[in-house]
Amino acid sequence: MRVTHVLAVAPVTDHEAAVAWYERLLGRPADARPMPGLADWHLTDGGWLQVFTDPDRAGRALVNLAVTDLDAELAALAAQGIAAGATTPGKGEVRFASVHDPDGNRVTLIERPATA
């Protein structure tokens, strides 16, 4: 198997409300809306985040995003009205903090210094 992309999918009930929230989270509009009920953010060359209307599965996604400066990202999110839970230490210098979209899907920001 040769994988070319990894797609994280956050199922939601209210697509437009979720897209607005993810725009605030990511600091920009979706890169594509290829069909009704689907929005894509191309976060890296091979990693995309999709918000997809699927009421039966909404609120169950776990999305992890690696960031270089957790404190700066949390401050930027707070300025957008998105409050994170407490920062949690991981192994070594790794730290985590989570936010939840309007449906309860958990997005965890992970700071992993290059030396960790």
N, C-alpha and C. Protein backbone atom coordinates (compact mmCIF):
# COMPACT_ATOMS: atom_id res chain seq x y z
N MET A 1 0.84 -1.17 0.00
CA MET A 1 0.00 0.00 0.00
C MET A 1 0.89 1.24 0.00
N ARG A 2 0.61 2.15 -0.89
CA ARG A 2 1.31 3.43 -0.94
C ARG A 2 0.30 4.52 -0.65
N VAL A 3 0.38 5.11 0.53
CA VAL A 3 -0.56 6.14 0.95
C VAL A 3 -0.01 7.50 0.53
N THR A 4 -0.85 8.34 -0.07
CA THR A 4 -0.42 9.66 -0.51
C THR A 4 -0.97 10.78 0.35
N HIS A 5 -2.06 10.54 1.05
CA HIS A 5 -2.66 11.55 1.92
C HIS A 5 -3.29 10.87 3.12
N VAL A 6 -3.37 11.60 4.22
CA VAL A 6 -4.12 11.16 5.39
C VAL A 6 -5.19 12.21 5.63
N LEU A 7 -6.42 11.76 5.76
CA LEU A 7 -7.54 12.67 5.95
C LEU A 7 -8.16 12.42 7.32
N ALA A 8 -8.17 13.46 8.15
CA ALA A 8 -8.90 13.38 9.41
C ALA A 8 -10.29 13.93 9.14
N VAL A 9 -11.32 13.25 9.63
CA VAL A 9 -12.70 13.67 9.35
C VAL A 9 -13.41 13.95 10.67
N ALA A 10 -14.00 15.14 10.76
CA ALA A 10 -14.81 15.52 11.91
C ALA A 10 -16.27 15.53 11.46
N PRO A 11 -17.06 14.53 11.85
CA PRO A 11 -18.47 14.52 11.49
C PRO A 11 -19.25 15.52 12.34
N VAL A 12 -20.16 16.24 11.71
CA VAL A 12 -20.89 17.31 12.40
C VAL A 12 -22.38 17.26 12.06
N THR A 13 -23.17 17.95 12.85
CA THR A 13 -24.61 18.04 12.58
C THR A 13 -24.94 19.29 11.77
N ASP A 14 -24.42 20.44 12.16
CA ASP A 14 -24.68 21.71 11.49
C ASP A 14 -23.42 22.12 10.74
N HIS A 15 -23.41 21.85 9.45
CA HIS A 15 -22.21 22.04 8.65
C HIS A 15 -21.71 23.49 8.68
N GLU A 16 -22.58 24.44 8.45
CA GLU A 16 -22.13 25.83 8.37
C GLU A 16 -21.61 26.34 9.72
N ALA A 17 -22.25 25.95 10.82
CA ALA A 17 -21.75 26.33 12.15
C ALA A 17 -20.38 25.71 12.40
N ALA A 18 -20.22 24.46 12.00
CA ALA A 18 -18.94 23.78 12.19
C ALA A 18 -17.85 24.42 11.32
N VAL A 19 -18.17 24.73 10.06
CA VAL A 19 -17.18 25.36 9.19
C VAL A 19 -16.73 26.69 9.78
N ALA A 20 -17.67 27.47 10.29
CA ALA A 20 -17.30 28.76 10.91
C ALA A 20 -16.37 28.53 12.10
N TRP A 21 -16.64 27.51 12.91
CA TRP A 21 -15.79 27.21 14.07
C TRP A 21 -14.39 26.79 13.61
N TYR A 22 -14.31 25.90 12.63
CA TYR A 22 -13.00 25.45 12.14
C TYR A 22 -12.24 26.57 11.44
N GLU A 23 -12.94 27.50 10.82
CA GLU A 23 -12.27 28.67 10.26
C GLU A 23 -11.61 29.49 11.36
N ARG A 24 -12.29 29.64 12.50
CA ARG A 24 -11.69 30.34 13.64
C ARG A 24 -10.52 29.54 14.19
N LEU A 25 -10.70 28.23 14.32
CA LEU A 25 -9.63 27.36 14.84
C LEU A 25 -8.38 27.45 13.98
N LEU A 26 -8.55 27.33 12.68
CA LEU A 26 -7.42 27.25 11.76
C LEU A 26 -6.98 28.60 11.20
N GLY A 27 -7.76 29.64 11.47
CA GLY A 27 -7.37 30.98 11.06
C GLY A 27 -7.54 31.27 9.58
N ARG A 28 -8.39 30.48 8.91
CA ARG A 28 -8.60 30.72 7.47
C ARG A 28 -9.80 29.90 6.97
N PRO A 29 -10.33 30.31 5.84
CA PRO A 29 -11.44 29.54 5.25
C PRO A 29 -10.96 28.17 4.77
N ALA A 30 -11.90 27.32 4.50
CA ALA A 30 -11.59 26.00 3.94
C ALA A 30 -10.90 26.16 2.60
N ASP A 31 -10.01 25.23 2.29
CA ASP A 31 -9.33 25.24 0.99
C ASP A 31 -10.24 24.76 -0.13
N ALA A 32 -11.19 23.92 0.21
CA ALA A 32 -12.09 23.38 -0.82
C ALA A 32 -13.41 22.99 -0.17
N ARG A 33 -14.46 23.08 -0.96
CA ARG A 33 -15.79 22.58 -0.60
C ARG A 33 -16.25 21.75 -1.80
N PRO A 34 -15.73 20.52 -1.89
CA PRO A 34 -15.93 19.72 -3.10
C PRO A 34 -17.35 19.23 -3.33
N MET A 35 -18.17 19.25 -2.29
CA MET A 35 -19.57 18.82 -2.44
C MET A 35 -20.35 19.37 -1.25
N PRO A 36 -21.67 19.40 -1.35
CA PRO A 36 -22.46 19.89 -0.21
C PRO A 36 -22.17 19.07 1.05
N GLY A 37 -22.01 19.76 2.18
CA GLY A 37 -21.78 19.09 3.45
C GLY A 37 -20.35 18.67 3.70
N LEU A 38 -19.40 19.11 2.86
CA LEU A 38 -17.99 18.74 3.04
C LEU A 38 -17.11 19.97 2.83
N ALA A 39 -16.20 20.19 3.77
CA ALA A 39 -15.20 21.26 3.66
C ALA A 39 -13.84 20.66 4.00
N ASP A 40 -12.82 21.04 3.23
CA ASP A 40 -11.45 20.52 3.40
C ASP A 40 -10.50 21.65 3.75
N TRP A 41 -9.63 21.39 4.71
CA TRP A 41 -8.47 22.25 4.98
C TRP A 41 -7.23 21.42 4.69
N HIS A 42 -6.38 21.91 3.82
CA HIS A 42 -5.14 21.22 3.47
C HIS A 42 -4.07 21.76 4.41
N LEU A 43 -3.81 21.02 5.49
CA LEU A 43 -2.93 21.50 6.56
C LEU A 43 -1.46 21.28 6.26
N THR A 44 -1.16 20.20 5.58
CA THR A 44 0.20 19.90 5.12
C THR A 44 0.07 19.31 3.72
N ASP A 45 1.19 19.03 3.08
CA ASP A 45 1.11 18.45 1.74
C ASP A 45 0.30 17.16 1.72
N GLY A 46 0.40 16.37 2.76
CA GLY A 46 -0.29 15.09 2.76
C GLY A 46 -1.29 14.91 3.88
N GLY A 47 -1.63 15.98 4.60
CA GLY A 47 -2.56 15.86 5.72
C GLY A 47 -3.67 16.88 5.63
N TRP A 48 -4.88 16.40 5.52
CA TRP A 48 -6.05 17.27 5.39
C TRP A 48 -7.01 17.03 6.55
N LEU A 49 -7.77 18.05 6.88
CA LEU A 49 -8.86 17.94 7.84
C LEU A 49 -10.15 18.20 7.08
N GLN A 50 -11.09 17.28 7.21
CA GLN A 50 -12.38 17.43 6.57
C GLN A 50 -13.47 17.57 7.63
N VAL A 51 -14.40 18.47 7.38
CA VAL A 51 -15.60 18.61 8.19
C VAL A 51 -16.74 18.13 7.31
N PHE A 52 -17.45 17.12 7.80
CA PHE A 52 -18.43 16.43 6.97
C PHE A 52 -19.74 16.28 7.74
N THR A 53 -20.84 16.60 7.10
CA THR A 53 -22.15 16.45 7.73
C THR A 53 -22.50 14.97 7.85
N ASP A 54 -22.59 14.52 9.10
CA ASP A 54 -22.94 13.13 9.39
C ASP A 54 -23.50 13.09 10.82
N PRO A 55 -24.78 13.46 10.98
CA PRO A 55 -25.36 13.57 12.33
C PRO A 55 -25.24 12.31 13.17
N ASP A 56 -25.26 11.13 12.55
CA ASP A 56 -25.19 9.88 13.32
C ASP A 56 -23.82 9.68 13.98
N ARG A 57 -22.78 10.28 13.43
CA ARG A 57 -21.43 10.10 13.97
C ARG A 57 -20.88 11.37 14.61
N ALA A 58 -21.61 12.46 14.53
CA ALA A 58 -21.14 13.75 15.04
C ALA A 58 -20.74 13.67 16.51
N GLY A 59 -19.66 14.35 16.83
CA GLY A 59 -19.20 14.44 18.21
C GLY A 59 -18.28 13.32 18.66
N ARG A 60 -17.92 12.42 17.78
CA ARG A 60 -17.11 11.27 18.17
C ARG A 60 -15.67 11.33 17.66
N ALA A 61 -15.33 12.37 16.89
CA ALA A 61 -13.99 12.42 16.29
C ALA A 61 -12.94 12.86 17.30
N LEU A 62 -11.75 12.33 17.10
CA LEU A 62 -10.56 12.74 17.85
C LEU A 62 -9.53 13.16 16.80
N VAL A 63 -9.20 14.44 16.77
CA VAL A 63 -8.25 14.98 15.81
C VAL A 63 -7.05 15.50 16.57
N ASN A 64 -5.85 15.09 16.20
CA ASN A 64 -4.62 15.57 16.83
C ASN A 64 -3.87 16.43 15.84
N LEU A 65 -3.47 17.62 16.28
CA LEU A 65 -2.70 18.54 15.44
C LEU A 65 -1.41 18.89 16.17
N ALA A 66 -0.28 18.63 15.54
CA ALA A 66 1.01 18.98 16.12
C ALA A 66 1.30 20.46 15.84
N VAL A 67 1.71 21.19 16.88
CA VAL A 67 2.05 22.61 16.76
C VAL A 67 3.43 22.84 17.35
N THR A 68 4.07 23.93 16.95
CA THR A 68 5.40 24.21 17.45
C THR A 68 5.40 25.02 18.74
N ASP A 69 4.36 25.82 18.98
CA ASP A 69 4.30 26.67 20.17
C ASP A 69 2.89 26.62 20.74
N LEU A 70 2.67 25.72 21.68
CA LEU A 70 1.34 25.51 22.24
C LEU A 70 0.80 26.77 22.89
N ASP A 71 1.62 27.46 23.66
CA ASP A 71 1.14 28.66 24.35
C ASP A 71 0.67 29.72 23.36
N ALA A 72 1.41 29.94 22.29
CA ALA A 72 1.02 30.92 21.28
C ALA A 72 -0.28 30.51 20.60
N GLU A 73 -0.42 29.23 20.29
CA GLU A 73 -1.65 28.76 19.64
C GLU A 73 -2.85 28.89 20.56
N LEU A 74 -2.67 28.58 21.84
CA LEU A 74 -3.78 28.72 22.79
C LEU A 74 -4.20 30.17 22.96
N ALA A 75 -3.23 31.08 22.97
CA ALA A 75 -3.53 32.51 23.06
C ALA A 75 -4.29 32.97 21.83
N ALA A 76 -3.87 32.51 20.65
CA ALA A 76 -4.56 32.87 19.41
C ALA A 76 -5.99 32.33 19.41
N LEU A 77 -6.18 31.11 19.90
CA LEU A 77 -7.52 30.54 19.97
C LEU A 77 -8.39 31.31 20.95
N ALA A 78 -7.84 31.66 22.09
CA ALA A 78 -8.60 32.43 23.09
C ALA A 78 -9.06 33.75 22.48
N ALA A 79 -8.21 34.38 21.67
CA ALA A 79 -8.58 35.63 21.02
C ALA A 79 -9.74 35.43 20.04
N GLN A 80 -9.91 34.20 19.55
CA GLN A 80 -11.00 33.85 18.64
C GLN A 80 -12.22 33.30 19.38
N GLY A 81 -12.16 33.31 20.72
CA GLY A 81 -13.28 32.82 21.51
C GLY A 81 -13.32 31.32 21.65
N ILE A 82 -12.20 30.65 21.41
CA ILE A 82 -12.14 29.20 21.56
C ILE A 82 -11.29 28.89 22.78
N ALA A 83 -11.92 28.39 23.82
CA ALA A 83 -11.22 28.10 25.07
C ALA A 83 -10.77 26.65 25.10
N ALA A 84 -9.53 26.46 25.52
CA ALA A 84 -8.97 25.11 25.64
C ALA A 84 -9.06 24.65 27.08
N GLY A 85 -9.01 23.34 27.24
CA GLY A 85 -8.90 22.77 28.57
C GLY A 85 -7.49 23.00 29.09
N ALA A 86 -7.22 22.50 30.24
CA ALA A 86 -5.90 22.67 30.86
C ALA A 86 -4.82 22.02 30.01
N THR A 87 -3.66 22.63 30.04
CA THR A 87 -2.50 22.05 29.37
C THR A 87 -2.02 20.87 30.20
N THR A 88 -1.78 19.75 29.54
CA THR A 88 -1.37 18.53 30.21
C THR A 88 0.02 18.13 29.74
N PRO A 89 0.90 17.81 30.69
CA PRO A 89 2.23 17.36 30.26
C PRO A 89 2.17 15.91 29.78
N GLY A 90 3.03 15.63 28.81
CA GLY A 90 3.21 14.26 28.33
C GLY A 90 4.61 13.81 28.71
N LYS A 91 5.10 12.83 28.03
CA LYS A 91 6.44 12.33 28.29
C LYS A 91 7.48 13.37 27.85
N GLY A 92 8.47 13.60 28.67
CA GLY A 92 9.51 14.57 28.35
C GLY A 92 8.94 15.97 28.33
N GLU A 93 9.19 16.68 27.25
CA GLU A 93 8.72 18.06 27.13
C GLU A 93 7.43 18.18 26.31
N VAL A 94 6.81 17.07 26.00
CA VAL A 94 5.57 17.09 25.22
C VAL A 94 4.44 17.64 26.09
N ARG A 95 3.59 18.49 25.48
CA ARG A 95 2.42 19.04 26.17
C ARG A 95 1.21 18.98 25.25
N PHE A 96 0.02 18.88 25.87
CA PHE A 96 -1.24 18.75 25.15
C PHE A 96 -2.25 19.75 25.69
N ALA A 97 -3.18 20.15 24.84
CA ALA A 97 -4.37 20.89 25.26
C ALA A 97 -5.45 20.60 24.23
N SER A 98 -6.68 20.49 24.69
CA SER A 98 -7.78 20.13 23.79
C SER A 98 -8.85 21.21 23.75
N VAL A 99 -9.49 21.30 22.59
CA VAL A 99 -10.67 22.13 22.38
C VAL A 99 -11.73 21.23 21.78
N HIS A 100 -12.97 21.69 21.82
CA HIS A 100 -14.07 20.89 21.28
C HIS A 100 -14.90 21.74 20.33
N ASP A 101 -15.24 21.17 19.20
CA ASP A 101 -16.07 21.89 18.23
C ASP A 101 -17.52 21.89 18.74
N PRO A 102 -18.43 22.57 18.04
CA PRO A 102 -19.82 22.66 18.52
C PRO A 102 -20.52 21.32 18.73
N ASP A 103 -20.07 20.27 18.05
CA ASP A 103 -20.66 18.94 18.24
C ASP A 103 -19.96 18.11 19.30
N GLY A 104 -18.84 18.61 19.82
CA GLY A 104 -18.10 17.87 20.83
C GLY A 104 -16.92 17.08 20.29
N ASN A 105 -16.65 17.16 18.99
CA ASN A 105 -15.45 16.52 18.46
C ASN A 105 -14.23 17.15 19.14
N ARG A 106 -13.31 16.31 19.58
CA ARG A 106 -12.13 16.81 20.31
C ARG A 106 -10.97 17.03 19.35
N VAL A 107 -10.41 18.23 19.42
CA VAL A 107 -9.21 18.57 18.67
C VAL A 107 -8.11 18.82 19.69
N THR A 108 -7.09 17.99 19.68
CA THR A 108 -5.99 18.11 20.63
C THR A 108 -4.78 18.71 19.93
N LEU A 109 -4.27 19.77 20.53
CA LEU A 109 -3.03 20.39 20.05
C LEU A 109 -1.89 19.77 20.82
N ILE A 110 -0.87 19.34 20.10
CA ILE A 110 0.27 18.66 20.71
C ILE A 110 1.52 19.43 20.39
N GLU A 111 2.24 19.83 21.43
CA GLU A 111 3.53 20.50 21.26
C GLU A 111 4.61 19.47 21.60
N ARG A 112 5.44 19.21 20.65
CA ARG A 112 6.53 18.26 20.84
C ARG A 112 7.82 18.93 20.38
N PRO A 113 8.58 19.46 21.32
CA PRO A 113 9.85 20.10 20.92
C PRO A 113 10.74 19.14 20.14
N ALA A 114 11.55 19.68 19.28
CA ALA A 114 12.42 18.87 18.42
C ALA A 114 13.29 17.90 19.20
N THR A 115 13.62 18.24 20.45
CA THR A 115 14.48 17.37 21.24
C THR A 115 13.69 16.29 21.96
N ALA A 116 12.36 16.36 21.97
CA ALA A 116 11.57 15.38 22.71
C ALA A 116 11.40 14.09 21.93
